[in-house]
PDB file of N, CA and C in Angstrom:
ATOM      1  N   MET A   1     155.676  61.741  71.959  1.00  0.00           N
ATOM      2  CA  MET A   1     155.235  62.328  69.910  1.00  0.00           C
ATOM      3  C   MET A   1     154.484  61.573  69.389  1.00  0.00           C
ATOM      4  N   LYS A   2     154.260  61.671  67.711  1.00  0.00           N
ATOM      5  CA  LYS A   2     154.309  60.817  67.276  1.00  0.00           C
ATOM      6  C   LYS A   2     153.555  60.821  65.898  1.00  0.00           C
ATOM      7  N   ARG A   3     153.565  60.207  64.965  1.00  0.00           N
ATOM      8  CA  ARG A   3     153.230  60.459  63.340  1.00  0.00           C
ATOM      9  C   ARG A   3     151.962  60.048  62.398  1.00  0.00           C
ATOM     10  N   ILE A   4     151.925  60.631  62.259  1.00  0.00           N
ATOM     11  CA  ILE A   4     150.499  60.516  61.941  1.00  0.00           C
ATOM     12  C   ILE A   4     151.017  61.234  60.156  1.00  0.00           C
ATOM     13  N   GLN A   5     150.701  59.198  59.274  1.00  0.00           N
ATOM     14  CA  GLN A   5     151.137  59.743  57.842  1.00  0.00           C
ATOM     15  C   GLN A   5     149.038  59.040  57.452  1.00  0.00           C
ATOM     16  N   ALA A   6     149.155  59.977  56.788  1.00  0.00           N
ATOM     17  CA  ALA A   6     147.561  59.694  56.150  1.00  0.00           C
ATOM     18  C   ALA A   6     147.756  59.679  55.074  1.00  0.00           C
ATOM     19  N   TYR A   7     146.732  58.456  53.800  1.00  0.00           N
ATOM     20  CA  TYR A   7     146.421  58.321  53.149  1.00  0.00           C
ATOM     21  C   TYR A   7     145.503  59.020  52.345  1.00  0.00           C
ATOM     22  N   ILE A   8     145.308  59.644  51.937  1.00  0.00           N
ATOM     23  CA  ILE A   8     144.166  60.259  51.076  1.00  0.00           C
ATOM     24  C   ILE A   8     143.616  60.588  49.546  1.00  0.00           C
ATOM     25  N   ARG A   9     141.897  60.998  49.671  1.00  0.00           N
ATOM     26  CA  ARG A   9     141.991  61.442  48.177  1.00  0.00           C
ATOM     27  C   ARG A   9     142.075  62.688  47.542  1.00  0.00           C
ATOM     28  N   ILE A  10     142.722  63.363  46.474  1.00  0.00           N
ATOM     29  CA  ILE A  10     142.974  63.938  46.125  1.00  0.00           C
ATOM     30  C   ILE A  10     141.877  65.495  47.024  1.00  0.00           C
ATOM     31  N   ASN A  11     140.614  65.237  45.862  1.00  0.00           N
ATOM     32  CA  ASN A  11     139.700  65.998  46.809  1.00  0.00           C
ATOM     33  C   ASN A  11     139.049  66.201  47.488  1.00  0.00           C
ATOM     34  N   LYS A  12     139.970  65.231  49.118  1.00  0.00           N
ATOM     35  CA  LYS A  12     139.200  65.528  51.063  1.00  0.00           C
ATOM     36  C   LYS A  12     140.218  66.602  51.410  1.00  0.00           C
ATOM     37  N   LEU A  13     141.620  66.969  50.242  1.00  0.00           N
ATOM     38  CA  LEU A  13     142.567  67.302  51.800  1.00  0.00           C
ATOM     39  C   LEU A  13     141.880  69.178  52.458  1.00  0.00           C
ATOM     40  N   GLU A  14     140.967  70.316  51.175  1.00  0.00           N
ATOM     41  CA  GLU A  14     140.794  71.171  51.778  1.00  0.00           C
ATOM     42  C   GLU A  14     139.781  70.715  53.090  1.00  0.00           C
ATOM     43  N   GLU A  15     139.791  69.608  52.945  1.00  0.00           N
ATOM     44  CA  GLU A  15     138.149  69.195  54.281  1.00  0.00           C
ATOM     45  C   GLU A  15     139.489  68.941  55.723  1.00  0.00           C
ATOM     46  N   VAL A  16     140.502  68.293  54.914  1.00  0.00           N
ATOM     47  CA  VAL A  16     140.954  67.691  56.548  1.00  0.00           C
ATOM     48  C   VAL A  16     142.153  68.516  56.527  1.00  0.00           C
ATOM     49  N   LYS A  17     142.450  69.318  55.914  1.00  0.00           N
ATOM     50  CA  LYS A  17     143.040  70.582  56.817  1.00  0.00           C
ATOM     51  C   LYS A  17     142.527  70.817  57.440  1.00  0.00           C
ATOM     52  N   ALA A  18     141.158  71.721  57.076  1.00  0.00           N
ATOM     53  CA  ALA A  18     140.694  72.633  58.269  1.00  0.00           C
ATOM     54  C   ALA A  18     139.999  72.552  58.895  1.00  0.00           C
ATOM     55  N   ALA A  19     139.151  70.459  59.559  1.00  0.00           N
ATOM     56  CA  ALA A  19     139.171  70.061  60.739  1.00  0.00           C
ATOM     57  C   ALA A  19     140.206  69.931  61.469  1.00  0.00           C
ATOM     58  N   LEU A  20     141.943  69.805  61.101  1.00  0.00           N
ATOM     59  CA  LEU A  20     143.684  69.976  61.989  1.00  0.00           C
ATOM     60  C   LEU A  20     143.024  71.289  62.313  1.00  0.00           C
ATOM     61  N   GLU A  21     143.250  71.930  61.490  1.00  0.00           N
ATOM     62  CA  GLU A  21     142.781  73.813  62.247  1.00  0.00           C
ATOM     63  C   GLU A  21     141.903  73.787  63.090  1.00  0.00           C
ATOM     64  N   ASP A  22     140.992  73.525  62.744  1.00  0.00           N
ATOM     65  CA  ASP A  22     139.300  73.451  64.358  1.00  0.00           C
ATOM     66  C   ASP A  22     140.295  73.060  65.401  1.00  0.00           C
ATOM     67  N   HIS A  23     141.104  71.804  64.932  1.00  0.00           N
ATOM     68  CA  HIS A  23     141.260  71.893  66.582  1.00  0.00           C
ATOM     69  C   HIS A  23     142.704  71.999  66.266  1.00  0.00           C
ATOM     70  N   GLY A  24     143.114  73.084  65.966  1.00  0.00           N
ATOM     71  CA  GLY A  24     144.772  73.729  66.337  1.00  0.00           C
ATOM     72  C   GLY A  24     146.012  73.038  66.484  1.00  0.00           C
ATOM     73  N   ILE A  25     145.914  72.214  65.630  1.00  0.00           N
ATOM     74  CA  ILE A  25     146.456  71.290  65.273  1.00  0.00           C
ATOM     75  C   ILE A  25     147.457  71.993  63.603  1.00  0.00           C
ATOM     76  N   LEU A  26     148.670  72.828  63.498  1.00  0.00           N
ATOM     77  CA  LEU A  26     148.184  73.588  62.367  1.00  0.00           C
ATOM     78  C   LEU A  26     149.481  73.259  61.457  1.00  0.00           C
ATOM     79  N   GLY A  27     150.330  72.518  61.976  1.00  0.00           N
ATOM     80  CA  GLY A  27     151.870  72.231  60.253  1.00  0.00           C
ATOM     81  C   GLY A  27     151.486  70.077  59.751  1.00  0.00           C
ATOM     82  N   MET A  28     152.141  70.444  58.811  1.00  0.00           N
ATOM     83  CA  MET A  28     151.236  68.813  57.928  1.00  0.00           C
ATOM     84  C   MET A  28     152.411  69.240  57.042  1.00  0.00           C
ATOM     85  N   SER A  29     152.915  67.612  56.480  1.00  0.00           N
ATOM     86  CA  SER A  29     153.222  68.010  55.176  1.00  0.00           C
ATOM     87  C   SER A  29     152.844  67.798  54.150  1.00  0.00           C
ATOM     88  N   VAL A  30     152.896  67.594  52.474  1.00  0.00           N
ATOM     89  CA  VAL A  30     151.622  66.922  51.829  1.00  0.00           C
ATOM     90  C   VAL A  30     152.903  66.652  50.600  1.00  0.00           C
ATOM     91  N   GLU A  31     152.484  65.361  49.983  1.00  0.00           N
ATOM     92  CA  GLU A  31     152.926  65.393  48.990  1.00  0.00           C
ATOM     93  C   GLU A  31     151.625  64.278  47.889  1.00  0.00           C
ATOM     94  N   GLU A  32     152.240  64.346  46.505  1.00  0.00           N
ATOM     95  CA  GLU A  32     151.351  63.843  45.697  1.00  0.00           C
ATOM     96  C   GLU A  32     152.064  62.628  45.639  1.00  0.00           C
ATOM     97  N   THR A  33     151.345  60.976  45.928  1.00  0.00           N
ATOM     98  CA  THR A  33     151.351  59.822  45.626  1.00  0.00           C
ATOM     99  C   THR A  33     150.503  58.823  44.775  1.00  0.00           C
ATOM    100  N   ARG A  34     151.780  57.731  44.320  1.00  0.00           N
ATOM    101  CA  ARG A  34     150.238  56.587  43.610  1.00  0.00           C
ATOM    102  C   ARG A  34     149.623  55.446  44.061  1.00  0.00           C
ATOM    103  N   GLY A  35     149.091  54.849  44.028  1.00  0.00           N
ATOM    104  CA  GLY A  35     149.020  53.538  44.827  1.00  0.00           C
ATOM    105  C   GLY A  35     148.117  53.500  45.243  1.00  0.00           C
ATOM    106  N   PHE A  36     147.928  51.607  45.391  1.00  0.00           N
ATOM    107  CA  PHE A  36     146.422  50.970  45.604  1.00  0.00           C
ATOM    108  C   PHE A  36     146.352  49.843  46.602  1.00  0.00           C
ATOM    109  N   GLY A  37     145.408  49.519  46.453  1.00  0.00           N
ATOM    110  CA  GLY A  37     145.270  49.225  48.174  1.00  0.00           C
ATOM    111  C   GLY A  37     144.126  47.660  47.466  1.00  0.00           C
ATOM    112  N   ALA A  38     142.691  47.960  48.704  1.00  0.00           N
ATOM    113  CA  ALA A  38     142.128  47.330  48.187  1.00  0.00           C
ATOM    114  C   ALA A  38     140.831  47.200  46.882  1.00  0.00           C
ATOM    115  N   GLN A  39     141.035  48.262  46.050  1.00  0.00           N
ATOM    116  CA  GLN A  39     140.059  48.519  44.458  1.00  0.00           C
ATOM    117  C   GLN A  39     140.941  47.819  43.896  1.00  0.00           C
ATOM    118  N   GLN A  40     142.334  48.108  44.012  1.00  0.00           N
ATOM    119  CA  GLN A  40     143.134  47.069  43.375  1.00  0.00           C
ATOM    120  C   GLN A  40     143.878  48.637  41.472  1.00  0.00           C
ATOM    121  N   GLY A  41     143.221  48.686  41.898  1.00  0.00           N
ATOM    122  CA  GLY A  41     143.160  50.426  41.179  1.00  0.00           C
ATOM    123  C   GLY A  41     141.921  50.359  40.479  1.00  0.00           C
ATOM    124  N   GLN A  42     141.741  51.381  39.226  1.00  0.00           N
ATOM    125  CA  GLN A  42     140.849  52.085  37.664  1.00  0.00           C
ATOM    126  C   GLN A  42     141.212  50.942  37.299  1.00  0.00           C
ATOM    127  N   SER A  43     139.111  51.459  36.278  1.00  0.00           N
ATOM    128  CA  SER A  43     140.033  51.127  34.800  1.00  0.00           C
ATOM    129  C   SER A  43     139.355  52.270  33.788  1.00  0.00           C
ATOM    130  N   GLU A  44     139.565  52.877  33.016  1.00  0.00           N
ATOM    131  CA  GLU A  44     139.789  53.670  31.831  1.00  0.00           C
ATOM    132  C   GLU A  44     139.749  53.791  30.587  1.00  0.00           C
ATOM    133  N   THR A  45     138.680  53.570  29.894  1.00  0.00           N
ATOM    134  CA  THR A  45     138.635  53.682  28.717  1.00  0.00           C
ATOM    135  C   THR A  45     139.077  54.567  27.369  1.00  0.00           C
ATOM    136  N   PHE A  46     139.961  54.308  26.915  1.00  0.00           N
ATOM    137  CA  PHE A  46     140.473  55.526  26.338  1.00  0.00           C
ATOM    138  C   PHE A  46     140.415  55.270  24.309  1.00  0.00           C
ATOM    139  N   ARG A  47     139.652  56.063  23.730  1.00  0.00           N
ATOM    140  CA  ARG A  47     139.436  55.102  22.798  1.00  0.00           C
ATOM    141  C   ARG A  47     139.536  53.915  22.396  1.00  0.00           C
ATOM    142  N   GLY A  48     137.597  53.756  22.875  1.00  0.00           N
ATOM    143  CA  GLY A  48     137.597  52.689  23.052  1.00  0.00           C
ATOM    144  C   GLY A  48     138.435  51.294  23.389  1.00  0.00           C
ATOM    145  N   SER A  49     139.798  51.592  23.869  1.00  0.00           N
ATOM    146  CA  SER A  49     139.639  50.338  24.520  1.00  0.00           C
ATOM    147  C   SER A  49     139.371  50.342  25.876  1.00  0.00           C
ATOM    148  N   THR A  50     139.838  49.526  26.944  1.00  0.00           N
ATOM    149  CA  THR A  50     139.821  49.942  28.446  1.00  0.00           C
ATOM    150  C   THR A  50     141.237  49.618  28.771  1.00  0.00           C
ATOM    151  N   TYR A  51     142.001  50.529  29.937  1.00  0.00           N
ATOM    152  CA  TYR A  51     142.847  49.902  30.385  1.00  0.00           C
ATOM    153  C   TYR A  51     143.235  50.031  31.711  1.00  0.00           C
ATOM    154  N   ALA A  52     144.171  49.225  31.973  1.00  0.00           N
ATOM    155  CA  ALA A  52     144.105  49.387  33.770  1.00  0.00           C
ATOM    156  C   ALA A  52     145.193  49.870  33.506  1.00  0.00           C
ATOM    157  N   LEU A  53     144.735  51.075  35.342  1.00  0.00           N
ATOM    158  CA  LEU A  53     146.074  51.522  36.098  1.00  0.00           C
ATOM    159  C   LEU A  53     146.132  51.307  37.145  1.00  0.00           C
ATOM    160  N   ASN A  54     147.492  50.806  36.971  1.00  0.00           N
ATOM    161  CA  ASN A  54     147.241  50.194  37.898  1.00  0.00           C
ATOM    162  C   ASN A  54     147.147  50.904  39.900  1.00  0.00           C
ATOM    163  N   LEU A  55     147.761  52.034  39.400  1.00  0.00           N
ATOM    164  CA  LEU A  55     147.338  52.892  40.834  1.00  0.00           C
ATOM    165  C   LEU A  55     147.569  55.016  40.634  1.00  0.00           C
ATOM    166  N   VAL A  56     146.628  54.221  41.624  1.00  0.00           N
ATOM    167  CA  VAL A  56     145.258  55.407  41.260  1.00  0.00           C
ATOM    168  C   VAL A  56     145.842  56.404  42.859  1.00  0.00           C
ATOM    169  N   PRO A  57     145.457  58.079  41.754  1.00  0.00           N
ATOM    170  CA  PRO A  57     146.646  59.251  42.949  1.00  0.00           C
ATOM    171  C   PRO A  57     145.774  59.100  43.864  1.00  0.00           C
ATOM    172  N   LYS A  58     146.879  59.483  45.212  1.00  0.00           N
ATOM    173  CA  LYS A  58     146.465  59.923  46.278  1.00  0.00           C
ATOM    174  C   LYS A  58     147.115  61.035  47.158  1.00  0.00           C
ATOM    175  N   LEU A  59     146.948  61.339  47.956  1.00  0.00           N
ATOM    176  CA  LEU A  59     147.824  62.478  48.470  1.00  0.00           C
ATOM    177  C   LEU A  59     148.328  61.830  49.796  1.00  0.00           C
ATOM    178  N   ARG A  60     149.592  62.106  49.853  1.00  0.00           N
ATOM    179  CA  ARG A  60     150.017  61.235  50.897  1.00  0.00           C
ATOM    180  C   ARG A  60     150.557  62.882  52.559  1.00  0.00           C
ATOM    181  N   LEU A  61     149.657  62.585  54.008  1.00  0.00           N
ATOM    182  CA  LEU A  61     150.249  63.913  54.921  1.00  0.00           C
ATOM    183  C   LEU A  61     150.635  63.494  55.823  1.00  0.00           C
ATOM    184  N   GLU A  62     151.744  63.602  56.374  1.00  0.00           N
ATOM    185  CA  GLU A  62     151.971  63.510  57.884  1.00  0.00           C
ATOM    186  C   GLU A  62     152.450  65.114  58.639  1.00  0.00           C
ATOM    187  N   VAL A  63     151.560  64.197  59.089  1.00  0.00           N
ATOM    188  CA  VAL A  63     151.647  65.230  60.608  1.00  0.00           C
ATOM    189  C   VAL A  63     151.642  64.734  62.535  1.00  0.00           C
ATOM    190  N   VAL A  64     152.542  65.483  63.075  1.00  0.00           N
ATOM    191  CA  VAL A  64     153.541  64.862  63.734  1.00  0.00           C
ATOM    192  C   VAL A  64     153.176  65.965  64.759  1.00  0.00           C
ATOM    193  N   VAL A  65     152.280  65.191  66.230  1.00  0.00           N
ATOM    194  CA  VAL A  65     151.770  65.804  67.395  1.00  0.00           C
ATOM    195  C   VAL A  65     152.147  65.615  68.519  1.00  0.00           C
ATOM    196  N   CYS A  66     151.790  65.402  69.791  1.00  0.00           N
ATOM    197  CA  CYS A  66     151.920  65.112  71.210  1.00  0.00           C
ATOM    198  C   CYS A  66     151.194  64.817  71.434  1.00  0.00           C
ATOM    199  N   ASP A  67     151.597  63.438  72.642  1.00  0.00           N
ATOM    200  CA  ASP A  67     151.072  62.374  72.383  1.00  0.00           C
ATOM    201  C   ASP A  67     149.367  62.521  72.863  1.00  0.00           C
ATOM    202  N   GLU A  68     148.549  63.780  73.698  1.00  0.00           N
ATOM    203  CA  GLU A  68     148.148  63.878  74.249  1.00  0.00           C
ATOM    204  C   GLU A  68     146.752  64.562  72.984  1.00  0.00           C
ATOM    205  N   ASP A  69     147.039  64.577  71.464  1.00  0.00           N
ATOM    206  CA  ASP A  69     147.033  65.471  70.758  1.00  0.00           C
ATOM    207  C   ASP A  69     146.112  64.983  69.861  1.00  0.00           C
ATOM    208  N   LEU A  70     146.307  62.759  69.576  1.00  0.00           N
ATOM    209  CA  LEU A  70     146.806  61.529  68.577  1.00  0.00           C
ATOM    210  C   LEU A  70     145.035  61.757  68.279  1.00  0.00           C
ATOM    211  N   GLU A  71     144.849  61.526  69.376  1.00  0.00           N
ATOM    212  CA  GLU A  71     143.500  60.037  68.844  1.00  0.00           C
ATOM    213  C   GLU A  71     142.221  62.117  67.807  1.00  0.00           C
ATOM    214  N   VAL A  72     142.246  63.071  68.913  1.00  0.00           N
ATOM    215  CA  VAL A  72     141.963  64.011  68.267  1.00  0.00           C
ATOM    216  C   VAL A  72     142.445  64.179  66.418  1.00  0.00           C
ATOM    217  N   ALA A  73     143.383  64.329  66.508  1.00  0.00           N
ATOM    218  CA  ALA A  73     144.232  64.102  65.283  1.00  0.00           C
ATOM    219  C   ALA A  73     143.694  63.051  64.106  1.00  0.00           C
ATOM    220  N   VAL A  74     144.035  62.510  64.989  1.00  0.00           N
ATOM    221  CA  VAL A  74     142.574  61.147  63.894  1.00  0.00           C
ATOM    222  C   VAL A  74     140.946  60.932  63.536  1.00  0.00           C
ATOM    223  N   SER A  75     140.846  61.513  64.467  1.00  0.00           N
ATOM    224  CA  SER A  75     139.288  61.157  64.374  1.00  0.00           C
ATOM    225  C   SER A  75     138.774  63.001  63.539  1.00  0.00           C
ATOM    226  N   ALA A  76     139.703  63.558  63.678  1.00  0.00           N
ATOM    227  CA  ALA A  76     139.474  64.827  62.928  1.00  0.00           C
ATOM    228  C   ALA A  76     140.129  64.099  60.859  1.00  0.00           C
ATOM    229  N   ILE A  77     141.057  63.893  61.590  1.00  0.00           N
ATOM    230  CA  ILE A  77     141.599  63.097  59.579  1.00  0.00           C
ATOM    231  C   ILE A  77     140.536  62.026  59.047  1.00  0.00           C
ATOM    232  N   VAL A  78     139.834  61.217  60.044  1.00  0.00           N
ATOM    233  CA  VAL A  78     138.698  60.276  59.313  1.00  0.00           C
ATOM    234  C   VAL A  78     137.555  60.880  58.638  1.00  0.00           C
ATOM    235  N   ALA A  79     137.091  61.575  59.803  1.00  0.00           N
ATOM    236  CA  ALA A  79     135.756  62.490  59.510  1.00  0.00           C
ATOM    237  C   ALA A  79     135.787  63.275  58.921  1.00  0.00           C
ATOM    238  N   ALA A  80     136.361  63.791  58.067  1.00  0.00           N
ATOM    239  CA  ALA A  80     137.075  64.412  56.474  1.00  0.00           C
ATOM    240  C   ALA A  80     137.696  63.992  56.180  1.00  0.00           C
ATOM    241  N   ALA A  81     137.364  62.629  56.269  1.00  0.00           N
ATOM    242  CA  ALA A  81     138.192  62.466  54.408  1.00  0.00           C
ATOM    243  C   ALA A  81     137.749  60.609  53.457  1.00  0.00           C
ATOM    244  N   GLN A  82     136.877  60.967  55.607  1.00  0.00           N
ATOM    245  CA  GLN A  82     135.724  59.316  55.087  1.00  0.00           C
ATOM    246  C   GLN A  82     134.301  60.248  53.874  1.00  0.00           C
ATOM    247  N   THR A  83     134.216  59.600  53.086  1.00  0.00           N
ATOM    248  CA  THR A  83     132.990  58.996  51.990  1.00  0.00           C
ATOM    249  C   THR A  83     132.047  57.892  52.315  1.00  0.00           C
ATOM    250  N   GLY A  84     132.845  57.285  52.451  1.00  0.00           N
ATOM    251  CA  GLY A  84     133.107  55.017  53.218  1.00  0.00           C
ATOM    252  C   GLY A  84     132.620  55.237  51.909  1.00  0.00           C
ATOM    253  N   GLU A  85     132.190  54.807  51.396  1.00  0.00           N
ATOM    254  CA  GLU A  85     133.062  54.104  49.800  1.00  0.00           C
ATOM    255  C   GLU A  85     134.286  53.231  49.686  1.00  0.00           C
ATOM    256  N   LEU A  86     134.721  52.485  49.113  1.00  0.00           N
ATOM    257  CA  LEU A  86     136.818  51.795  48.866  1.00  0.00           C
ATOM    258  C   LEU A  86     136.934  53.021  48.008  1.00  0.00           C
ATOM    259  N   GLY A  87     138.483  53.219  48.596  1.00  0.00           N
ATOM    260  CA  GLY A  87     139.394  53.852  48.701  1.00  0.00           C
ATOM    261  C   GLY A  87     139.340  55.098  49.231  1.00  0.00           C
ATOM    262  N   ASP A  88     139.199  54.779  50.081  1.00  0.00           N
ATOM    263  CA  ASP A  88     138.631  56.134  51.191  1.00  0.00           C
ATOM    264  C   ASP A  88     139.954  56.745  51.545  1.00  0.00           C
ATOM    265  N   GLY A  89     140.820  55.507  52.129  1.00  0.00           N
ATOM    266  CA  GLY A  89     142.914  55.366  52.480  1.00  0.00           C
ATOM    267  C   GLY A  89     142.588  55.428  53.920  1.00  0.00           C
ATOM    268  N   LYS A  90     143.831  55.296  54.268  1.00  0.00           N
ATOM    269  CA  LYS A  90     145.182  55.236  54.944  1.00  0.00           C
ATOM    270  C   LYS A  90     145.465  55.782  56.260  1.00  0.00           C
ATOM    271  N   ILE A  91     145.345  55.444  57.796  1.00  0.00           N
ATOM    272  CA  ILE A  91     146.534  56.139  58.631  1.00  0.00           C
ATOM    273  C   ILE A  91     147.205  55.405  59.555  1.00  0.00           C
ATOM    274  N   PHE A  92     148.310  55.649  59.584  1.00  0.00           N
ATOM    275  CA  PHE A  92     149.052  54.690  60.033  1.00  0.00           C
ATOM    276  C   PHE A  92     149.667  56.105  61.248  1.00  0.00           C
ATOM    277  N   VAL A  93     150.241  56.056  62.832  1.00  0.00           N
ATOM    278  CA  VAL A  93     150.403  56.167  62.973  1.00  0.00           C
ATOM    279  C   VAL A  93     151.579  55.513  63.809  1.00  0.00           C
ATOM    280  N   SER A  94     153.484  56.647  64.532  1.00  0.00           N
ATOM    281  CA  SER A  94     154.700  55.745  64.246  1.00  0.00           C
ATOM    282  C   SER A  94     154.938  56.826  65.358  1.00  0.00           C
ATOM    283  N   GLU A  95     155.996  56.278  66.376  1.00  0.00           N
ATOM    284  CA  GLU A  95     156.596  56.888  67.374  1.00  0.00           C
ATOM    285  C   GLU A  95     157.983  58.494  66.474  1.00  0.00           C
ATOM    286  N   VAL A  96     157.841  58.402  66.992  1.00  0.00           N
ATOM    287  CA  VAL A  96     158.611  59.991  66.358  1.00  0.00           C
ATOM    288  C   VAL A  96     159.539  60.624  68.279  1.00  0.00           C
ATOM    289  N   ALA A  97     161.264  59.797  67.850  1.00  0.00           N
ATOM    290  CA  ALA A  97     161.975  59.668  68.456  1.00  0.00           C
ATOM    291  C   ALA A  97     162.302  61.415  69.006  1.00  0.00           C
ATOM    292  N   GLU A  98     162.759  62.736  68.557  1.00  0.00           N
ATOM    293  CA  GLU A  98     162.776  63.704  68.641  1.00  0.00           C
ATOM    294  C   GLU A  98     162.387  65.173  66.944  1.00  0.00           C
ATOM    295  N   ALA A  99     162.349  65.928  68.176  1.00  0.00           N
ATOM    296  CA  ALA A  99     162.240  67.106  67.436  1.00  0.00           C
ATOM    297  C   ALA A  99     162.651  67.811  67.650  1.00  0.00           C
ATOM    298  N   VAL A 100     163.866  68.525  66.067  1.00  0.00           N
ATOM    299  CA  VAL A 100     164.262  69.699  66.540  1.00  0.00           C
ATOM    300  C   VAL A 100     163.429  70.881  65.595  1.00  0.00           C
ATOM    301  N   ARG A 101     163.605  72.123  66.586  1.00  0.00           N
ATOM    302  CA  ARG A 101     163.756  73.792  65.847  1.00  0.00           C
ATOM    303  C   ARG A 101     164.575  74.039  65.314  1.00  0.00           C
ATOM    304  N   ILE A 102     164.259  74.517  63.368  1.00  0.00           N
ATOM    305  CA  ILE A 102     166.125  74.445  63.614  1.00  0.00           C
ATOM    306  C   ILE A 102     166.784  75.851  63.876  1.00  0.00           C
ATOM    307  N   ARG A 103     165.356  76.579  63.488  1.00  0.00           N
ATOM    308  CA  ARG A 103     165.989  78.101  63.957  1.00  0.00           C
ATOM    309  C   ARG A 103     165.515  78.881  65.468  1.00  0.00           C
ATOM    310  N   THR A 104     165.325  78.273  66.077  1.00  0.00           N
ATOM    311  CA  THR A 104     165.406  77.981  67.878  1.00  0.00           C
ATOM    312  C   THR A 104     166.363  76.996  68.256  1.00  0.00           C
ATOM    313  N   GLY A 105     166.760  76.515  67.726  1.00  0.00           N
ATOM    314  CA  GLY A 105     167.270  74.363  68.372  1.00  0.00           C
ATOM    315  C   GLY A 105     166.148  74.205  69.995  1.00  0.00           C
ATOM    316  N   GLU A 106     164.985  74.410  69.633  1.00  0.00           N
ATOM    317  CA  GLU A 106     163.813  74.040  70.474  1.00  0.00           C
ATOM    318  C   GLU A 106     164.217  72.388  70.702  1.00  0.00           C
ATOM    319  N   ARG A 107     164.344  71.850  71.159  1.00  0.00           N
ATOM    320  CA  ARG A 107     164.303  70.357  71.403  1.00  0.00           C
ATOM    321  C   ARG A 107     162.481  69.847  71.993  1.00  0.00           C
ATOM    322  N   GLY A 108     162.010  68.744  71.015  1.00  0.00           N
ATOM    323  CA  GLY A 108     160.674  67.691  71.606  1.00  0.00           C
ATOM    324  C   GLY A 108     158.903  68.650  71.174  1.00  0.00           C
ATOM    325  N   GLU A 109     157.994  68.263  72.089  1.00  0.00           N
ATOM    326  CA  GLU A 109     157.349  68.756  71.992  1.00  0.00           C
ATOM    327  C   GLU A 109     157.098  70.815  72.250  1.00  0.00           C
ATOM    328  N   SER A 110     158.303  71.217  72.443  1.00  0.00           N
ATOM    329  CA  SER A 110     157.783  72.423  72.228  1.00  0.00           C
ATOM    330  C   SER A 110     158.900  72.621  71.342  1.00  0.00           C
ATOM    331  N   ALA A 111     158.909  72.211  70.141  1.00  0.00           N
ATOM    332  CA  ALA A 111     159.407  72.221  68.865  1.00  0.00           C
ATOM    333  C   ALA A 111     158.301  72.414  67.515  1.00  0.00           C
ATOM    334  N   LEU A 112     157.317  72.008  68.744  1.00  0.00           N
ATOM    335  CA  LEU A 112     155.976  71.186  67.930  1.00  0.00           C
ATOM    336  C   LEU A 112     154.661  73.125  67.482  1.00  0.00           C
ATOM    337  N   LYS A 113     155.026  74.222  68.302  1.00  0.00           N
ATOM    338  CA  LYS A 113     154.931  74.986  69.037  1.00  0.00           C
ATOM    339  C   LYS A 113     154.386  75.799  68.260  1.00  0.00           C
TER     340      LYS A 113
END
């Protein structure tokens, strides 16, 4: 099993969610976060003064998938979240040692379905 952690633009959530659902990937966690990467934040003007905002609002998505669904899920996220502009985000993939469905006690990949 793999954990996909994706940092995306806030306005791309519905497109990413729909793309994953189209491929049969239904569970995800979403959290608002702030950070910066290559764009080094942004600046805004307020009452004639320019202020640097070093932390840009983003969404962090976490999805756990079976190994065979990894490439489909990553490709779906990229296709839905990509604008071609700086600040589109990043995807990180890591191993998941175990999954347990609390309600039934199912373990492993069967807990994901």
